[in-house]
Amino acid sequence: NRGKGSGLRASFRRWGGLPPVWRHFLEICAAMWMGRPAEVPVFLPTTGVSAPSKAPRLYPAQSVLSMGLSMTLPMVAWMLFRGHGWRNSAEMAAARPSVVFHLAAQSLVRRSYREPVETFETNVLGTVNILEAIRAAGGPCAVVAVTSDKCYENRGTGEPFQEGDPMGGSDPYSASKGAAEIAIAGFRRSFFAPERLAGHGVALASARAGNVLGFGDWAEDRIVPDAIRALEAGRPVPVRNPDSVRPWRHVLEPLSGYLRLAAGLLDPIRAAELCEGWNFGPVEANARPVRELVEAMIHCWGSGSWEHVEDPKPVGEAEVLSLAVEKARRRLDWHPRWTLEETVARTVEGYALGRGAGASALRELMRRQISRYLACPPAGVPG
């Protein structure tokens, strides 16, 4: 559904006041029956007809297929005219989920400079399509839409971002995530208002995290995969921006926050008050320069070195980025657990297992790390 909401199309979208799934059903039925009088034979007529006829006769099976084709063509034409996101809506309606986690994204900053249109289509329209499918399905569910810690307008103050800070972004990736947050807020106010939760049943919240570490990530232009590739090859780790500060955290940190938030959204007593944006960041001490992250990785790997490499095609990235998580601590009773040293140790442990490790070995490692994470006392909370 890409901006086709004006003119004649928009007038059809507003009729009836019916729930979207029923309105779409009635529209499709009407389009099918409009095609019924125009039924056109598409198969050869029967042979051996004893009496002449003005219209060729069809076998019964052929007649059914002909009718189906004649009814389907106007239905498809109508759906194209409507800009109907039928596939997403149908899949969502069939699944009838009680919880939706939307994490899909084009998540690479440097790639967003090469492919800005794809970045905006994936991160903004992808989010809108998911929310529209949920709206069309019409069933109650909890929705956690994940964006990024880069969704905020970064003015370079170095202060941790609060959930109420303005959205923005100086690069295509960051701007797309800020725009996704605005789209989420727009859907929430227009269709999923918390004060009307009992009527529509959709509890929608957004979650903001980033700079996540964990084994298995081999994406381009990311410091951890780049470092592992260099260490495996016995080369110095190339570092473009050694002094840039980021809030490093293990992937289990935000995942535990998303699950805690979803559980709250499923609670009928608390759900309405949780339909907001939420930061999930690491312990404050984990906001460290890139050079310290790389040195910790080299220490855990057991050997290696790093070198500062000038970027031949530098792109604009914030020097300092961190999130305030007091809101999640206070209202969700969620707390980050792992220090940077523990985060790096567990990440390198996974990569050291090797790319060729079998599924059972990786599954067992993940179970051990999850158990270790849950056994660690929350930061800032007496053990």
Protein backbone atom coordinates (compact mmCIF):
# COMPACT_ATOMS: atom_id res chain seq x y z
CA ASN A 1 0.00 0.00 0.00
CA ARG A 2 2.38 2.69 -1.26
CA GLY A 3 0.74 6.09 -1.18
CA LYS A 4 -2.32 5.20 -3.26
CA GLY A 5 -4.73 6.88 -0.89
CA SER A 6 -5.98 9.84 -2.94
CA GLY A 7 -8.67 10.46 -5.52
CA LEU A 8 -11.03 7.72 -6.65
CA ARG A 9 -9.15 4.94 -4.82
CA ALA A 10 -9.50 6.75 -1.51
CA SER A 11 -13.26 7.09 -1.93
CA PHE A 12 -13.59 3.31 -2.22
CA ARG A 13 -11.47 2.82 0.91
CA ARG A 14 -13.76 4.89 3.09
CA TRP A 15 -17.13 3.31 2.32
CA GLY A 16 -19.27 1.30 4.64
CA GLY A 17 -17.60 1.81 7.99
CA LEU A 18 -17.09 -1.96 8.08
CA PRO A 19 -14.03 -3.70 9.52
CA PRO A 20 -11.38 -3.82 6.75
CA VAL A 21 -11.41 -7.62 6.36
CA TRP A 22 -15.20 -7.68 5.73
CA ARG A 23 -15.09 -4.65 3.45
CA HIS A 24 -12.38 -6.30 1.35
CA PHE A 25 -14.36 -9.55 1.23
CA LEU A 26 -17.49 -7.77 -0.04
CA GLU A 27 -15.49 -5.81 -2.61
CA ILE A 28 -13.94 -9.00 -3.99
CA CYS A 29 -17.34 -10.73 -4.16
CA ALA A 30 -18.78 -7.77 -6.04
CA ALA A 31 -15.88 -7.77 -8.50
CA MET A 32 -16.29 -11.50 -9.11
CA TRP A 33 -20.01 -11.22 -9.84
CA MET A 34 -19.47 -8.25 -12.14
CA GLY A 35 -17.40 -10.60 -14.26
CA ARG A 36 -20.03 -13.37 -14.25
CA PRO A 37 -22.27 -11.97 -17.08
CA ALA A 38 -19.19 -11.58 -19.28
CA GLU A 39 -18.33 -15.26 -19.09
CA VAL A 40 -16.23 -16.14 -22.10
CA PRO A 41 -15.63 -19.71 -23.30
CA VAL A 42 -11.92 -20.38 -23.30
CA PHE A 43 -11.94 -24.07 -24.20
CA LEU A 44 -12.82 -25.82 -27.42
CA PRO A 45 -16.54 -26.64 -27.87
CA THR A 46 -17.75 -30.19 -27.74
CA THR A 47 -17.81 -32.22 -30.92
CA GLY A 48 -20.65 -34.23 -32.36
CA VAL A 49 -23.37 -31.70 -31.58
CA SER A 50 -26.46 -32.77 -33.54
CA ALA A 51 -28.21 -29.41 -33.63
CA PRO A 52 -26.64 -26.06 -34.50
CA SER A 53 -26.27 -23.57 -31.70
CA LYS A 54 -25.52 -19.86 -31.64
CA ALA A 55 -22.99 -20.35 -28.84
CA PRO A 56 -20.59 -23.27 -28.51
CA ARG A 57 -21.37 -25.76 -25.78
CA LEU A 58 -18.78 -26.65 -23.16
CA TYR A 59 -18.27 -29.76 -21.12
CA PRO A 60 -19.37 -29.19 -17.48
CA ALA A 61 -15.79 -29.06 -16.23
CA GLN A 62 -14.86 -26.62 -18.97
CA SER A 63 -17.83 -24.44 -18.08
CA VAL A 64 -16.77 -24.28 -14.46
CA LEU A 65 -13.21 -23.32 -15.41
CA SER A 66 -14.47 -20.72 -17.85
CA MET A 67 -16.72 -19.22 -15.19
CA GLY A 68 -13.87 -19.18 -12.70
CA LEU A 69 -11.57 -17.37 -15.13
CA SER A 70 -14.24 -14.81 -16.03
CA MET A 71 -14.91 -14.09 -12.36
CA THR A 72 -11.24 -14.05 -11.33
CA LEU A 73 -9.99 -11.56 -13.92
CA PRO A 74 -12.17 -8.65 -12.73
CA MET A 75 -11.38 -9.61 -9.11
CA VAL A 76 -7.64 -9.34 -9.77
CA ALA A 77 -8.15 -6.11 -11.70
CA TRP A 78 -10.09 -4.67 -8.77
CA MET A 79 -7.41 -5.64 -6.27
CA LEU A 80 -4.75 -4.01 -8.43
CA PHE A 81 -6.91 -0.89 -8.71
CA ARG A 82 -7.33 -0.80 -4.94
CA GLY A 83 -3.60 -1.21 -4.33
CA HIS A 84 -4.69 -4.11 -2.12
CA GLY A 85 -2.03 -5.68 0.09
CA TRP A 86 -3.93 -8.94 -0.14
CA ARG A 87 -1.06 -11.34 0.43
CA ASN A 88 0.10 -9.82 3.73
CA SER A 89 -3.49 -9.46 4.92
CA ALA A 90 -4.36 -13.03 3.98
CA GLU A 91 -1.28 -14.46 5.69
CA MET A 92 -1.90 -12.44 8.85
CA ALA A 93 -5.58 -13.42 8.93
CA ALA A 94 -4.70 -17.09 8.43
CA ALA A 95 -2.05 -17.08 11.17
CA ARG A 96 -4.22 -15.26 13.72
CA PRO A 97 -1.16 -14.46 15.89
CA SER A 98 -1.45 -13.47 19.51
CA VAL A 99 1.95 -11.72 19.38
CA VAL A 100 3.76 -10.12 16.43
CA PHE A 101 7.46 -9.22 16.61
CA HIS A 102 8.50 -7.11 13.62
CA LEU A 103 12.31 -7.11 13.38
CA ALA A 104 12.91 -7.33 9.61
CA ALA A 105 14.98 -4.46 8.19
CA GLN A 106 17.72 -3.26 5.90
CA SER A 107 20.03 -2.64 8.84
CA LEU A 108 23.34 -1.47 7.32
CA VAL A 109 24.21 2.24 7.44
CA ARG A 110 26.78 2.23 4.66
CA ARG A 111 24.56 0.18 2.40
CA SER A 112 21.80 2.75 2.93
CA TYR A 113 23.98 5.32 1.14
CA ARG A 114 24.31 3.00 -1.88
CA GLU A 115 20.66 1.89 -1.85
CA PRO A 116 18.57 4.62 -0.19
CA VAL A 117 15.31 3.76 -1.97
CA GLU A 118 15.50 0.10 -0.99
CA THR A 119 16.33 1.15 2.58
CA PHE A 120 13.26 3.37 2.88
CA GLU A 121 11.02 0.82 1.14
CA THR A 122 12.15 -1.97 3.46
CA ASN A 123 12.23 -0.07 6.74
CA VAL A 124 9.27 2.29 6.34
CA LEU A 125 6.89 0.65 3.86
CA GLY A 126 7.74 -2.78 5.23
CA THR A 127 6.61 -1.61 8.66
CA VAL A 128 3.48 0.00 7.22
CA ASN A 129 2.61 -3.19 5.32
CA ILE A 130 2.88 -5.27 8.50
CA LEU A 131 0.69 -2.84 10.44
CA GLU A 132 -1.87 -2.71 7.63
CA ALA A 133 -2.00 -6.51 7.52
CA ILE A 134 -2.64 -6.55 11.27
CA ARG A 135 -5.38 -3.94 10.83
CA ALA A 136 -7.00 -5.89 7.98
CA ALA A 137 -6.87 -9.18 9.92
CA GLY A 138 -8.94 -7.55 12.64
CA GLY A 139 -7.92 -9.87 15.46
CA PRO A 140 -6.59 -8.98 18.90
CA CYS A 141 -2.83 -9.25 19.33
CA ALA A 142 0.23 -7.65 20.90
CA VAL A 143 2.67 -6.01 18.47
CA VAL A 144 6.31 -5.15 19.20
CA ALA A 145 7.73 -3.23 16.22
CA VAL A 146 11.52 -2.95 16.52
CA THR A 147 13.30 0.05 14.98
CA SER A 148 16.76 1.25 16.08
CA ASP A 149 18.65 3.38 18.55
CA LYS A 150 19.55 5.51 15.50
CA CYS A 151 15.93 6.65 15.06
CA TYR A 152 16.57 9.78 17.15
CA GLU A 153 17.69 13.17 15.85
CA ASN A 154 21.34 13.18 16.94
CA ARG A 155 22.51 16.73 17.61
CA GLY A 156 25.89 15.61 18.96
CA THR A 157 25.32 16.51 22.61
CA GLY A 158 26.50 13.10 23.83
CA GLU A 159 23.49 12.80 26.17
CA PRO A 160 21.62 9.45 26.26
CA PHE A 161 18.42 9.56 24.24
CA GLN A 162 15.11 9.50 26.09
CA GLU A 163 11.99 7.95 24.55
CA GLY A 164 10.38 11.37 24.14
CA ASP A 165 13.25 12.89 22.15
CA PRO A 166 12.47 13.87 18.52
CA MET A 167 12.91 11.41 15.70
CA GLY A 168 15.38 12.21 12.91
CA GLY A 169 18.48 10.90 11.19
CA SER A 170 21.33 12.36 9.14
CA ASP A 171 21.79 9.27 6.95
CA PRO A 172 19.26 7.20 4.97
CA TYR A 173 19.25 4.32 7.45
CA SER A 174 18.72 6.49 10.53
CA ALA A 175 16.10 8.61 8.74
CA SER A 176 14.23 5.48 7.64
CA LYS A 177 14.08 4.27 11.24
CA GLY A 178 12.88 7.65 12.46
CA ALA A 179 10.22 7.59 9.73
CA ALA A 180 9.21 4.06 10.76
CA GLU A 181 8.68 5.30 14.32
CA ILE A 182 6.48 8.11 13.01
CA ALA A 183 4.48 5.60 10.95
CA ILE A 184 4.03 3.37 14.02
CA ALA A 185 2.82 6.33 16.07
CA GLY A 186 0.45 7.32 13.27
CA PHE A 187 -1.09 3.84 13.09
CA ARG A 188 -1.40 3.74 16.86
CA ARG A 189 -3.22 7.07 17.04
CA SER A 190 -5.42 6.41 14.00
CA PHE A 191 -6.33 2.73 14.31
CA PHE A 192 -4.91 1.21 17.51
CA ALA A 193 -5.53 3.94 20.08
CA PRO A 194 -4.74 2.62 23.60
CA GLU A 195 -7.88 4.23 25.04
CA ARG A 196 -9.96 2.11 22.62
CA LEU A 197 -7.98 -1.09 23.13
CA ALA A 198 -11.04 -3.04 24.29
CA GLY A 199 -12.65 -2.41 20.91
CA HIS A 200 -9.85 -3.12 18.40
CA GLY A 201 -7.70 -5.42 20.56
CA VAL A 202 -4.30 -4.43 19.08
CA ALA A 203 -1.68 -3.35 21.65
CA LEU A 204 1.09 -1.69 19.62
CA ALA A 205 4.49 -0.64 21.00
CA SER A 206 7.86 0.12 19.43
CA ALA A 207 11.26 -0.97 20.72
CA ARG A 208 14.56 0.79 20.08
CA ALA A 209 17.93 -0.94 20.26
CA GLY A 210 21.09 -1.27 18.21
CA ASN A 211 24.81 -2.06 18.15
CA VAL A 212 23.91 -5.63 19.02
CA LEU A 213 26.63 -8.29 19.19
CA GLY A 214 26.28 -12.04 18.84
CA PHE A 215 27.84 -14.89 16.92
CA GLY A 216 26.41 -15.78 13.53
CA ASP A 217 26.42 -12.24 12.12
CA TRP A 218 28.48 -12.13 8.90
CA ALA A 219 27.07 -8.91 7.42
CA GLU A 220 29.27 -6.49 5.51
CA ASP A 221 30.68 -3.32 7.06
CA ARG A 222 30.08 -4.37 10.65
CA ILE A 223 32.88 -4.20 13.14
CA VAL A 224 32.47 -7.63 14.75
CA PRO A 225 32.20 -9.72 11.54
CA ASP A 226 35.02 -7.66 9.98
CA ALA A 227 37.18 -8.29 13.06
CA ILE A 228 36.48 -12.03 13.08
CA ARG A 229 37.31 -12.35 9.38
CA ALA A 230 40.61 -10.53 9.95
CA LEU A 231 41.50 -12.60 13.02
CA GLU A 232 40.74 -15.85 11.22
CA ALA A 233 43.02 -14.79 8.37
CA GLY A 234 45.79 -13.60 10.72
CA ARG A 235 45.49 -9.99 9.52
CA PRO A 236 45.22 -6.81 11.63
CA VAL A 237 41.62 -5.82 12.26
CA PRO A 238 40.80 -2.75 10.12
CA VAL A 239 39.13 0.00 12.18
CA ARG A 240 37.71 3.06 10.44
CA ASN A 241 36.43 5.07 13.42
CA PRO A 242 38.30 3.93 16.56
CA ASP A 243 37.01 6.79 18.74
CA SER A 244 33.30 6.48 17.91
CA VAL A 245 31.31 5.58 21.04
CA ARG A 246 28.47 3.06 20.85
CA PRO A 247 26.29 1.31 23.47
CA TRP A 248 27.44 -2.27 22.82
CA ARG A 249 25.18 -5.05 24.03
CA HIS A 250 24.69 -8.79 23.51
CA VAL A 251 21.68 -9.83 21.45
CA LEU A 252 20.12 -11.45 24.54
CA GLU A 253 19.77 -8.02 26.16
CA PRO A 254 17.24 -6.50 23.74
CA LEU A 255 15.54 -9.86 23.15
CA SER A 256 14.80 -10.16 26.85
CA GLY A 257 13.38 -6.63 26.72
CA TYR A 258 11.16 -7.39 23.72
CA LEU A 259 9.78 -10.47 25.49
CA ARG A 260 9.16 -8.53 28.69
CA LEU A 261 7.36 -5.80 26.71
CA ALA A 262 5.23 -8.35 24.80
CA ALA A 263 4.22 -10.02 28.06
CA GLY A 264 3.05 -6.66 29.36
CA LEU A 265 1.08 -5.97 26.17
CA LEU A 266 -0.73 -9.29 26.64
CA ASP A 267 -1.81 -8.28 30.15
CA PRO A 268 -5.28 -6.72 29.82
CA ILE A 269 -4.72 -4.63 32.93
CA ARG A 270 -1.42 -3.08 31.84
CA ALA A 271 -1.53 -3.23 28.04
CA ALA A 272 -2.97 0.21 27.30
CA GLU A 273 -0.34 2.04 29.35
CA LEU A 274 2.52 0.21 27.60
CA CYS A 275 1.54 1.16 24.02
CA GLU A 276 4.50 3.52 23.59
CA GLY A 277 8.11 3.61 22.45
CA TRP A 278 10.74 1.85 24.61
CA ASN A 279 14.55 1.98 24.79
CA PHE A 280 16.49 -1.22 25.49
CA GLY A 281 20.14 -0.45 26.03
CA PRO A 282 23.09 -1.99 27.87
CA VAL A 283 24.56 -1.07 31.23
CA GLU A 284 25.86 2.49 31.11
CA ALA A 285 29.50 1.41 31.25
CA ASN A 286 29.10 -0.48 27.94
CA ALA A 287 29.00 2.78 25.95
CA ARG A 288 32.64 2.56 24.89
CA PRO A 289 34.82 3.52 21.90
CA VAL A 290 35.22 1.11 19.00
CA ARG A 291 38.92 0.65 19.84
CA GLU A 292 38.04 -0.80 23.26
CA LEU A 293 35.57 -3.24 21.70
CA VAL A 294 38.21 -4.46 19.22
CA GLU A 295 40.86 -4.80 21.91
CA ALA A 296 38.46 -6.86 24.04
CA MET A 297 37.78 -9.12 21.04
CA ILE A 298 41.48 -9.63 20.39
CA HIS A 299 41.99 -10.49 24.08
CA CYS A 300 39.23 -13.12 23.97
CA TRP A 301 40.47 -14.51 20.63
CA GLY A 302 43.93 -14.98 22.13
CA SER A 303 46.01 -13.20 19.47
CA GLY A 304 45.84 -10.47 16.87
CA SER A 305 46.15 -6.73 16.43
CA TRP A 306 44.24 -3.82 14.92
CA GLU A 307 45.07 -0.87 12.73
CA HIS A 308 43.41 2.44 11.97
CA VAL A 309 42.37 2.48 8.32
CA GLU A 310 41.34 5.70 6.62
CA ASP A 311 37.99 5.34 4.93
CA PRO A 312 38.37 6.11 1.19
CA LYS A 313 34.65 6.91 0.99
CA PRO A 314 33.66 8.21 4.42
CA VAL A 315 29.97 8.49 5.28
CA GLY A 316 28.35 10.54 8.00
CA GLU A 317 27.90 8.65 11.26
CA ALA A 318 27.33 9.96 14.77
CA GLU A 319 30.41 10.08 17.00
CA VAL A 320 28.49 9.30 20.20
CA LEU A 321 25.28 7.33 20.64
CA SER A 322 23.66 5.96 23.80
CA LEU A 323 20.20 5.22 25.18
CA ALA A 324 18.56 5.98 28.52
CA VAL A 325 16.74 2.90 29.86
CA GLU A 326 15.27 4.24 33.11
CA LYS A 327 11.74 3.93 31.72
CA ALA A 328 12.09 0.20 31.00
CA ARG A 329 13.74 -0.34 34.38
CA ARG A 330 10.99 1.46 36.24
CA ARG A 331 7.85 0.35 34.39
CA LEU A 332 8.78 -3.05 32.95
CA ASP A 333 11.17 -4.14 35.69
CA TRP A 334 13.65 -4.90 32.91
CA HIS A 335 17.36 -4.51 33.59
CA PRO A 336 20.46 -5.08 31.42
CA ARG A 337 22.81 -7.73 32.78
CA TRP A 338 26.09 -8.24 30.93
CA THR A 339 29.16 -6.00 30.98
CA LEU A 340 31.06 -5.32 27.77
CA GLU A 341 33.68 -7.89 28.76
CA GLU A 342 31.07 -10.61 29.23
CA THR A 343 29.29 -9.59 26.04
CA VAL A 344 32.47 -9.85 23.99
CA ALA A 345 33.53 -13.12 25.64
CA ARG A 346 30.22 -14.80 24.80
CA THR A 347 30.26 -13.39 21.26
CA VAL A 348 33.80 -14.59 20.51
CA GLU A 349 32.97 -17.95 22.11
CA GLY A 350 30.34 -18.47 19.44
CA TYR A 351 32.54 -17.43 16.53
CA ALA A 352 35.41 -19.59 17.83
CA LEU A 353 33.14 -22.61 17.54
CA GLY A 354 33.61 -22.22 13.82
CA ARG A 355 31.45 -21.65 10.78
CA GLY A 356 31.18 -25.39 10.17
CA ALA A 357 29.68 -26.26 13.56
CA GLY A 358 26.60 -28.43 13.38
CA ALA A 359 23.14 -27.34 14.40
CA SER A 360 23.21 -29.40 17.59
CA ALA A 361 26.48 -27.84 18.77
CA LEU A 362 25.19 -24.32 18.09
CA ARG A 363 21.89 -25.09 19.80
CA GLU A 364 23.67 -26.36 22.89
CA LEU A 365 25.92 -23.28 22.96
CA MET A 366 22.89 -20.99 22.74
CA ARG A 367 21.18 -22.84 25.58
CA ARG A 368 24.27 -22.47 27.77
CA GLN A 369 24.55 -18.77 27.01
CA ILE A 370 20.87 -18.15 27.71
CA SER A 371 21.18 -19.97 31.03
CA ARG A 372 24.30 -17.96 31.87
CA TYR A 373 22.51 -14.72 30.98
CA LEU A 374 19.46 -15.50 33.12
CA ALA A 375 21.70 -16.49 36.06
CA CYS A 376 23.51 -13.15 35.97
CA PRO A 377 22.06 -10.59 38.43
CA PRO A 378 20.53 -7.53 36.75
CA ALA A 379 22.80 -4.49 36.70
CA GLY A 380 21.93 -1.91 39.31
CA VAL A 381 19.77 -4.35 41.31
CA PRO A 382 21.05 -5.90 44.57
CA GLY A 383 21.81 -9.60 44.03
